[in-house]
Amino acid sequence: MTALRWGVASDHAGFALKEKVRGWLRARGIEAQDLGAHSDARTDYPDWGHALGAAIAEGRLDRGVIVCGTGIGVSIAANRHAGVRAALCHDAFTAAMARAHNDANVLALGARVLGDGVAESVVDAFLSAAFEGGRHADRVVKLG
């Protein structure tokens, strides 16, 4: 099986956490493409949610992590793209269920909501969970 292609993106509010996420992914053997932002200078969250969503919809990436202050805005923007199932997660349980039951391909995080320790546990749960298929597959199809 081909390795999954990962990407990360954030607005200014999520920049510092995005950089930490890149490090956590790298430590787990995943090199994620950094779609920006590349500093904490003010930017607009929809631009980054759309950038990651488009990369997945177009087949350039398979999975990703997006970050803004709350995670809400980037998840809304990413979910506008066909085939993107971005899940805003606040703990390891919701991250694991997002993968297991919803086959989420994007993890959205809120930098102003989560501390670093919780954020890392959320990333770990998202990485380690697998889609269960079965009855969940029919539901995922209905998501479009």
N, C-alpha and C. Protein backbone atom coordinates (compact mmCIF):
# COMPACT_ATOMS: atom_id res chain seq x y z
N MET A 1 0.84 -1.18 0.00
CA MET A 1 0.00 0.00 0.00
C MET A 1 0.89 1.24 0.00
N THR A 2 0.50 2.22 -0.75
CA THR A 2 1.22 3.48 -0.81
C THR A 2 1.01 4.27 0.47
N ALA A 3 2.07 4.93 0.92
CA ALA A 3 1.97 5.75 2.13
C ALA A 3 1.00 6.90 1.89
N LEU A 4 0.27 7.25 2.91
CA LEU A 4 -0.66 8.37 2.82
C LEU A 4 0.11 9.67 2.70
N ARG A 5 -0.41 10.57 1.89
CA ARG A 5 0.16 11.91 1.75
C ARG A 5 -0.59 12.85 2.67
N TRP A 6 0.13 13.45 3.61
CA TRP A 6 -0.45 14.32 4.62
C TRP A 6 -0.13 15.77 4.34
N GLY A 7 -1.03 16.64 4.79
CA GLY A 7 -0.79 18.08 4.73
C GLY A 7 -1.23 18.72 6.03
N VAL A 8 -0.68 19.89 6.29
CA VAL A 8 -1.07 20.69 7.45
C VAL A 8 -1.28 22.12 6.99
N ALA A 9 -2.20 22.81 7.65
CA ALA A 9 -2.45 24.22 7.32
C ALA A 9 -3.05 24.90 8.54
N SER A 10 -2.86 26.21 8.63
CA SER A 10 -3.42 26.98 9.73
C SER A 10 -3.49 28.44 9.36
N ASP A 11 -4.30 29.16 10.12
CA ASP A 11 -4.24 30.62 10.05
C ASP A 11 -3.23 31.10 11.08
N HIS A 12 -3.17 32.39 11.30
CA HIS A 12 -2.20 32.94 12.24
C HIS A 12 -2.42 32.44 13.67
N ALA A 13 -3.67 32.31 14.06
CA ALA A 13 -3.96 31.87 15.44
C ALA A 13 -3.53 30.44 15.68
N GLY A 14 -3.53 29.65 14.64
CA GLY A 14 -3.14 28.25 14.76
C GLY A 14 -1.72 27.94 14.37
N PHE A 15 -0.97 28.97 13.97
CA PHE A 15 0.38 28.75 13.45
C PHE A 15 1.28 27.98 14.42
N ALA A 16 1.36 28.41 15.67
CA ALA A 16 2.26 27.75 16.62
C ALA A 16 1.87 26.29 16.84
N LEU A 17 0.57 26.01 16.96
CA LEU A 17 0.14 24.62 17.13
C LEU A 17 0.39 23.82 15.87
N LYS A 18 0.18 24.42 14.70
CA LYS A 18 0.46 23.71 13.45
C LYS A 18 1.92 23.28 13.39
N GLU A 19 2.81 24.15 13.81
CA GLU A 19 4.23 23.81 13.82
C GLU A 19 4.51 22.65 14.77
N LYS A 20 3.84 22.62 15.91
CA LYS A 20 3.99 21.50 16.83
C LYS A 20 3.43 20.22 16.22
N VAL A 21 2.29 20.32 15.55
CA VAL A 21 1.69 19.15 14.90
C VAL A 21 2.67 18.58 13.86
N ARG A 22 3.29 19.46 13.09
CA ARG A 22 4.28 18.99 12.10
C ARG A 22 5.38 18.18 12.79
N GLY A 23 5.85 18.67 13.93
CA GLY A 23 6.87 17.95 14.68
C GLY A 23 6.38 16.61 15.20
N TRP A 24 5.16 16.59 15.72
CA TRP A 24 4.59 15.33 16.21
C TRP A 24 4.44 14.33 15.08
N LEU A 25 3.97 14.79 13.93
CA LEU A 25 3.84 13.89 12.78
C LEU A 25 5.21 13.38 12.35
N ARG A 26 6.19 14.28 12.25
CA ARG A 26 7.54 13.89 11.85
C ARG A 26 8.11 12.84 12.81
N ALA A 27 7.88 13.02 14.10
CA ALA A 27 8.37 12.07 15.10
C ALA A 27 7.73 10.69 14.92
N ARG A 28 6.60 10.64 14.26
CA ARG A 28 5.89 9.38 14.01
C ARG A 28 6.11 8.89 12.57
N GLY A 29 7.09 9.48 11.90
CA GLY A 29 7.46 9.03 10.55
C GLY A 29 6.61 9.60 9.44
N ILE A 30 5.87 10.66 9.70
CA ILE A 30 5.00 11.27 8.68
C ILE A 30 5.54 12.65 8.32
N GLU A 31 5.90 12.82 7.08
CA GLU A 31 6.31 14.14 6.58
C GLU A 31 5.09 14.78 5.93
N ALA A 32 4.57 15.81 6.55
CA ALA A 32 3.37 16.47 6.05
C ALA A 32 3.75 17.71 5.25
N GLN A 33 3.08 17.89 4.13
CA GLN A 33 3.27 19.10 3.33
C GLN A 33 2.67 20.28 4.08
N ASP A 34 3.44 21.34 4.23
CA ASP A 34 2.98 22.55 4.92
C ASP A 34 2.37 23.50 3.90
N LEU A 35 1.07 23.66 3.97
CA LEU A 35 0.36 24.53 3.03
C LEU A 35 0.29 25.98 3.51
N GLY A 36 0.78 26.26 4.71
CA GLY A 36 0.75 27.60 5.27
C GLY A 36 -0.26 27.66 6.40
N ALA A 37 -0.35 28.73 7.03
CA ALA A 37 0.44 29.95 6.96
C ALA A 37 1.86 29.66 7.45
N HIS A 38 2.76 30.57 7.09
CA HIS A 38 4.17 30.35 7.40
C HIS A 38 4.68 31.31 8.47
N SER A 39 3.75 31.99 9.13
CA SER A 39 4.10 32.86 10.25
C SER A 39 2.82 33.14 11.04
N ASP A 40 2.96 33.89 12.12
CA ASP A 40 1.78 34.25 12.90
C ASP A 40 1.22 35.62 12.49
N ALA A 41 1.62 36.09 11.32
CA ALA A 41 1.03 37.33 10.79
C ALA A 41 -0.42 37.07 10.41
N ARG A 42 -1.29 38.02 10.66
CA ARG A 42 -2.73 37.87 10.45
C ARG A 42 -3.07 37.35 9.06
N THR A 43 -3.91 36.33 9.04
CA THR A 43 -4.43 35.77 7.79
C THR A 43 -5.89 35.40 8.02
N ASP A 44 -6.56 34.97 6.98
CA ASP A 44 -7.96 34.60 7.07
C ASP A 44 -8.12 33.08 7.05
N TYR A 45 -8.75 32.54 8.08
CA TYR A 45 -8.87 31.08 8.23
C TYR A 45 -9.51 30.37 7.03
N PRO A 46 -10.49 30.98 6.32
CA PRO A 46 -11.06 30.23 5.20
C PRO A 46 -10.03 29.89 4.12
N ASP A 47 -9.05 30.77 3.94
CA ASP A 47 -8.02 30.51 2.92
C ASP A 47 -7.29 29.20 3.19
N TRP A 48 -7.02 28.93 4.45
CA TRP A 48 -6.23 27.74 4.80
C TRP A 48 -7.09 26.49 4.84
N GLY A 49 -8.33 26.62 5.30
CA GLY A 49 -9.24 25.48 5.24
C GLY A 49 -9.51 25.07 3.80
N HIS A 50 -9.70 26.08 2.94
CA HIS A 50 -9.90 25.78 1.51
C HIS A 50 -8.65 25.19 0.88
N ALA A 51 -7.48 25.67 1.25
CA ALA A 51 -6.24 25.14 0.66
C ALA A 51 -6.09 23.65 0.95
N LEU A 52 -6.33 23.25 2.18
CA LEU A 52 -6.20 21.83 2.51
C LEU A 52 -7.35 21.04 1.91
N GLY A 53 -8.57 21.57 1.99
CA GLY A 53 -9.71 20.88 1.40
C GLY A 53 -9.55 20.65 -0.09
N ALA A 54 -9.08 21.66 -0.80
CA ALA A 54 -8.87 21.52 -2.25
C ALA A 54 -7.80 20.49 -2.55
N ALA A 55 -6.72 20.48 -1.77
CA ALA A 55 -5.64 19.52 -2.01
C ALA A 55 -6.14 18.09 -1.86
N ILE A 56 -7.04 17.86 -0.92
CA ILE A 56 -7.61 16.52 -0.75
C ILE A 56 -8.62 16.22 -1.85
N ALA A 57 -9.49 17.17 -2.14
CA ALA A 57 -10.51 16.96 -3.19
C ALA A 57 -9.86 16.69 -4.55
N GLU A 58 -8.74 17.34 -4.80
CA GLU A 58 -8.04 17.17 -6.09
C GLU A 58 -7.10 15.96 -6.10
N GLY A 59 -6.99 15.26 -4.99
CA GLY A 59 -6.16 14.06 -4.93
C GLY A 59 -4.67 14.31 -4.71
N ARG A 60 -4.29 15.53 -4.36
CA ARG A 60 -2.88 15.82 -4.10
C ARG A 60 -2.46 15.39 -2.70
N LEU A 61 -3.42 15.32 -1.78
CA LEU A 61 -3.19 14.84 -0.43
C LEU A 61 -4.29 13.86 -0.06
N ASP A 62 -3.98 13.00 0.92
CA ASP A 62 -4.96 12.02 1.38
C ASP A 62 -5.58 12.40 2.72
N ARG A 63 -4.76 12.99 3.60
CA ARG A 63 -5.23 13.36 4.93
C ARG A 63 -4.55 14.65 5.36
N GLY A 64 -5.12 15.26 6.40
CA GLY A 64 -4.50 16.48 6.87
C GLY A 64 -4.96 16.90 8.24
N VAL A 65 -4.27 17.92 8.74
CA VAL A 65 -4.60 18.56 10.01
C VAL A 65 -4.68 20.05 9.76
N ILE A 66 -5.78 20.67 10.18
CA ILE A 66 -5.95 22.11 10.03
C ILE A 66 -6.20 22.72 11.40
N VAL A 67 -5.70 23.95 11.55
CA VAL A 67 -5.78 24.59 12.86
C VAL A 67 -6.14 26.06 12.69
N CYS A 68 -7.05 26.53 13.51
CA CYS A 68 -7.30 27.96 13.67
C CYS A 68 -7.54 28.18 15.16
N GLY A 69 -8.02 29.33 15.54
CA GLY A 69 -8.22 29.61 16.96
C GLY A 69 -9.14 28.62 17.63
N THR A 70 -10.27 28.33 17.00
CA THR A 70 -11.23 27.38 17.57
C THR A 70 -11.30 26.07 16.81
N GLY A 71 -10.84 26.05 15.57
CA GLY A 71 -10.97 24.88 14.71
C GLY A 71 -12.27 24.89 13.93
N ILE A 72 -13.18 25.74 14.31
CA ILE A 72 -14.49 25.77 13.67
C ILE A 72 -14.40 26.30 12.24
N GLY A 73 -13.80 27.46 12.07
CA GLY A 73 -13.75 28.09 10.75
C GLY A 73 -13.03 27.25 9.70
N VAL A 74 -11.87 26.71 10.06
CA VAL A 74 -11.13 25.91 9.08
C VAL A 74 -11.87 24.63 8.74
N SER A 75 -12.58 24.05 9.72
CA SER A 75 -13.32 22.83 9.42
C SER A 75 -14.50 23.12 8.49
N ILE A 76 -15.17 24.23 8.69
CA ILE A 76 -16.26 24.61 7.79
C ILE A 76 -15.74 24.80 6.37
N ALA A 77 -14.64 25.52 6.25
CA ALA A 77 -14.06 25.78 4.91
C ALA A 77 -13.62 24.49 4.24
N ALA A 78 -12.93 23.62 4.96
CA ALA A 78 -12.45 22.37 4.37
C ALA A 78 -13.60 21.49 3.93
N ASN A 79 -14.67 21.46 4.72
CA ASN A 79 -15.80 20.60 4.41
C ASN A 79 -16.61 21.06 3.21
N ARG A 80 -16.31 22.21 2.67
CA ARG A 80 -16.98 22.68 1.45
C ARG A 80 -16.51 21.91 0.22
N HIS A 81 -15.46 21.12 0.36
CA HIS A 81 -14.85 20.42 -0.77
C HIS A 81 -15.30 18.96 -0.81
N ALA A 82 -15.62 18.50 -2.01
CA ALA A 82 -16.09 17.13 -2.19
C ALA A 82 -15.07 16.14 -1.67
N GLY A 83 -15.55 15.16 -0.93
CA GLY A 83 -14.69 14.10 -0.43
C GLY A 83 -13.95 14.43 0.84
N VAL A 84 -14.10 15.64 1.34
CA VAL A 84 -13.45 16.01 2.59
C VAL A 84 -14.40 15.76 3.74
N ARG A 85 -13.88 15.07 4.75
CA ARG A 85 -14.63 14.83 5.98
C ARG A 85 -13.76 15.34 7.12
N ALA A 86 -13.84 16.65 7.34
CA ALA A 86 -13.06 17.29 8.40
C ALA A 86 -13.83 17.22 9.70
N ALA A 87 -13.16 16.75 10.75
CA ALA A 87 -13.78 16.61 12.06
C ALA A 87 -13.06 17.48 13.07
N LEU A 88 -13.80 18.34 13.72
CA LEU A 88 -13.27 19.16 14.80
C LEU A 88 -13.30 18.32 16.06
N CYS A 89 -12.13 18.05 16.61
CA CYS A 89 -12.02 17.17 17.77
C CYS A 89 -11.38 17.89 18.94
N HIS A 90 -11.92 17.61 20.12
CA HIS A 90 -11.43 18.25 21.35
C HIS A 90 -10.81 17.27 22.33
N ASP A 91 -10.85 15.99 22.01
CA ASP A 91 -10.26 14.98 22.89
C ASP A 91 -9.96 13.73 22.07
N ALA A 92 -9.23 12.81 22.70
CA ALA A 92 -8.81 11.60 21.99
C ALA A 92 -9.99 10.74 21.57
N PHE A 93 -11.05 10.70 22.38
CA PHE A 93 -12.21 9.87 22.03
C PHE A 93 -12.87 10.36 20.74
N THR A 94 -13.12 11.68 20.65
CA THR A 94 -13.78 12.17 19.43
C THR A 94 -12.88 12.00 18.22
N ALA A 95 -11.58 12.10 18.39
CA ALA A 95 -10.65 11.89 17.27
C ALA A 95 -10.69 10.43 16.80
N ALA A 96 -10.68 9.51 17.74
CA ALA A 96 -10.74 8.09 17.38
C ALA A 96 -12.07 7.76 16.70
N MET A 97 -13.17 8.30 17.21
CA MET A 97 -14.47 8.03 16.61
C MET A 97 -14.62 8.69 15.24
N ALA A 98 -14.00 9.84 15.07
CA ALA A 98 -14.03 10.51 13.76
C ALA A 98 -13.42 9.61 12.69
N ARG A 99 -12.34 8.92 13.03
CA ARG A 99 -11.73 7.99 12.09
C ARG A 99 -12.54 6.70 12.00
N ALA A 100 -12.87 6.11 13.15
CA ALA A 100 -13.49 4.78 13.18
C ALA A 100 -14.88 4.76 12.58
N HIS A 101 -15.69 5.79 12.85
CA HIS A 101 -17.08 5.78 12.41
C HIS A 101 -17.36 6.69 11.23
N ASN A 102 -16.58 7.74 11.05
CA ASN A 102 -16.86 8.72 9.99
C ASN A 102 -15.82 8.73 8.89
N ASP A 103 -14.78 7.93 9.02
CA ASP A 103 -13.67 7.89 8.07
C ASP A 103 -13.16 9.31 7.79
N ALA A 104 -13.08 10.12 8.85
CA ALA A 104 -12.59 11.49 8.69
C ALA A 104 -11.19 11.47 8.09
N ASN A 105 -10.97 12.37 7.14
CA ASN A 105 -9.66 12.46 6.51
C ASN A 105 -8.94 13.77 6.87
N VAL A 106 -9.60 14.61 7.64
CA VAL A 106 -9.00 15.85 8.12
C VAL A 106 -9.34 16.01 9.59
N LEU A 107 -8.32 16.30 10.36
CA LEU A 107 -8.48 16.61 11.78
C LEU A 107 -8.38 18.12 11.94
N ALA A 108 -9.41 18.72 12.54
CA ALA A 108 -9.40 20.16 12.82
C ALA A 108 -9.18 20.36 14.31
N LEU A 109 -8.29 21.30 14.62
CA LEU A 109 -7.95 21.59 16.01
C LEU A 109 -8.11 23.07 16.30
N GLY A 110 -8.47 23.38 17.53
CA GLY A 110 -8.56 24.76 17.98
C GLY A 110 -7.38 25.10 18.87
N ALA A 111 -6.51 25.96 18.39
CA ALA A 111 -5.31 26.32 19.14
C ALA A 111 -5.62 27.07 20.43
N ARG A 112 -6.72 27.79 20.44
CA ARG A 112 -7.10 28.54 21.64
C ARG A 112 -8.01 27.71 22.56
N VAL A 113 -8.24 26.47 22.18
CA VAL A 113 -9.14 25.59 22.93
C VAL A 113 -8.36 24.49 23.64
N LEU A 114 -7.33 23.96 22.97
CA LEU A 114 -6.61 22.80 23.48
C LEU A 114 -5.22 23.18 23.97
N GLY A 115 -4.81 22.58 25.08
CA GLY A 115 -3.43 22.66 25.50
C GLY A 115 -2.60 21.70 24.67
N ASP A 116 -1.30 21.87 24.71
CA ASP A 116 -0.43 21.04 23.88
C ASP A 116 -0.55 19.55 24.18
N GLY A 117 -0.65 19.18 25.44
CA GLY A 117 -0.74 17.77 25.80
C GLY A 117 -2.00 17.12 25.24
N VAL A 118 -3.12 17.80 25.39
CA VAL A 118 -4.38 17.27 24.85
C VAL A 118 -4.31 17.24 23.33
N ALA A 119 -3.80 18.28 22.72
CA ALA A 119 -3.70 18.33 21.26
C ALA A 119 -2.88 17.16 20.74
N GLU A 120 -1.77 16.87 21.39
CA GLU A 120 -0.94 15.75 20.94
C GLU A 120 -1.68 14.42 21.10
N SER A 121 -2.44 14.26 22.18
CA SER A 121 -3.20 13.02 22.35
C SER A 121 -4.30 12.90 21.30
N VAL A 122 -4.87 14.02 20.88
CA VAL A 122 -5.89 14.02 19.83
C VAL A 122 -5.25 13.59 18.51
N VAL A 123 -4.10 14.14 18.20
CA VAL A 123 -3.39 13.76 16.97
C VAL A 123 -3.05 12.27 17.01
N ASP A 124 -2.53 11.78 18.12
CA ASP A 124 -2.21 10.36 18.24
C ASP A 124 -3.43 9.48 18.02
N ALA A 125 -4.55 9.85 18.62
CA ALA A 125 -5.77 9.06 18.47
C ALA A 125 -6.23 9.04 17.01
N PHE A 126 -6.14 10.19 16.34
CA PHE A 126 -6.53 10.28 14.94
C PHE A 126 -5.63 9.39 14.08
N LEU A 127 -4.34 9.40 14.38
CA LEU A 127 -3.38 8.59 13.62
C LEU A 127 -3.56 7.10 13.84
N SER A 128 -3.89 6.71 15.06
CA SER A 128 -3.91 5.29 15.37
C SER A 128 -5.24 4.60 15.09
N ALA A 129 -6.31 5.35 14.97
CA ALA A 129 -7.62 4.73 14.73
C ALA A 129 -7.79 4.41 13.24
N ALA A 130 -8.52 3.37 12.99
CA ALA A 130 -8.81 2.96 11.61
C ALA A 130 -10.31 2.96 11.38
N PHE A 131 -10.71 3.22 10.15
CA PHE A 131 -12.12 3.18 9.80
C PHE A 131 -12.64 1.76 9.95
N GLU A 132 -13.75 1.60 10.65
CA GLU A 132 -14.32 0.28 10.92
C GLU A 132 -15.11 -0.29 9.75
N GLY A 133 -15.56 0.56 8.84
CA GLY A 133 -16.36 0.06 7.73
C GLY A 133 -17.70 -0.45 8.22
N GLY A 134 -18.17 -1.56 7.63
CA GLY A 134 -19.44 -2.15 8.04
C GLY A 134 -20.58 -1.17 7.93
N ARG A 135 -21.40 -1.11 8.97
CA ARG A 135 -22.57 -0.21 8.94
C ARG A 135 -22.16 1.24 8.78
N HIS A 136 -20.94 1.57 9.19
CA HIS A 136 -20.47 2.95 9.08
C HIS A 136 -20.19 3.34 7.63
N ALA A 137 -19.82 2.37 6.81
CA ALA A 137 -19.51 2.65 5.39
C ALA A 137 -20.72 3.20 4.67
N ASP A 138 -21.89 2.63 4.91
CA ASP A 138 -23.11 3.12 4.27
C ASP A 138 -23.40 4.56 4.67
N ARG A 139 -23.12 4.88 5.91
CA ARG A 139 -23.36 6.24 6.40
C ARG A 139 -22.39 7.23 5.80
N VAL A 140 -21.14 6.83 5.66
CA VAL A 140 -20.13 7.70 5.06
C VAL A 140 -20.50 8.00 3.60
N VAL A 141 -21.03 7.00 2.90
CA VAL A 141 -21.47 7.23 1.52
C VAL A 141 -22.52 8.31 1.48
N LYS A 142 -23.41 8.35 2.44
CA LYS A 142 -24.46 9.37 2.48
C LYS A 142 -23.93 10.77 2.72
N LEU A 143 -22.70 10.86 3.25
CA LEU A 143 -22.10 12.18 3.44
C LEU A 143 -21.71 12.83 2.13
N GLY A 144 -21.57 12.03 1.10
CA GLY A 144 -21.24 12.56 -0.24
C GLY A 144 -19.79 12.66 -0.52
